[in-house]
Amino acid sequence: MILALGAAWFLGSPTGEKGGVLGNYFGILPRAYKSFQFEDPQTKTLSYLVKMPYPAEPAYLFYDERLKKKGWKRMDWAWQGKMETWVPSLGKIATDQPAQCVFKYYAAWANEKKDRMTVLNLGFYNPPVDNRCPDYPIYDELTVTLQELPYPQSPAPKPRHRK
């Protein structure tokens, strides 16, 4: 998934404020800018920026409502940490960049057939204060990324050996 997200920034197409085809598919928040989209046979990715204060509840509610109208159900799915809570971390986004405080929020929905899922990733990026993350983001530029991909299959059951 991370590879696909990276590809979206390098291979994706700039789509302007409306988000292009995937902006129509997922929906895009008002006043969005710098949107990019990437699509391959398995994955659809839309990413854009929008000015919105922390904790950006309108962004989450916007997608929760849209996906529920399509019949998608919320998933209780632990992926890259806690779901549906803001998690701050300090790290480098790129090796040639200074460390950043990253405030991330993840949520996921599955379609009725449970063969597709959509992951919402909200993020605020801020410089650290005294080499640590503040309690909440300083800047109000929110990165919104939606990714629809195949539903994760449960691992195959282990074969039982007869004694």
Foldseek 3Di string as FASTA:
>chain_A
DVVQVVCQVVVWDFDAQCQPPVCVVQPDDPPWGRWTWDDDPFKTKIKTKHQAFPPPVVVVVVRVVVCVVQVWAWDCDADPHHAQDWDWDWDDPDPVDHIWIKTWHWTKIAHPVQQKMKIKIKIDIGHDDPRHHDPGDPGRMIMIMMMMGTHDDDDDDDDDDDD
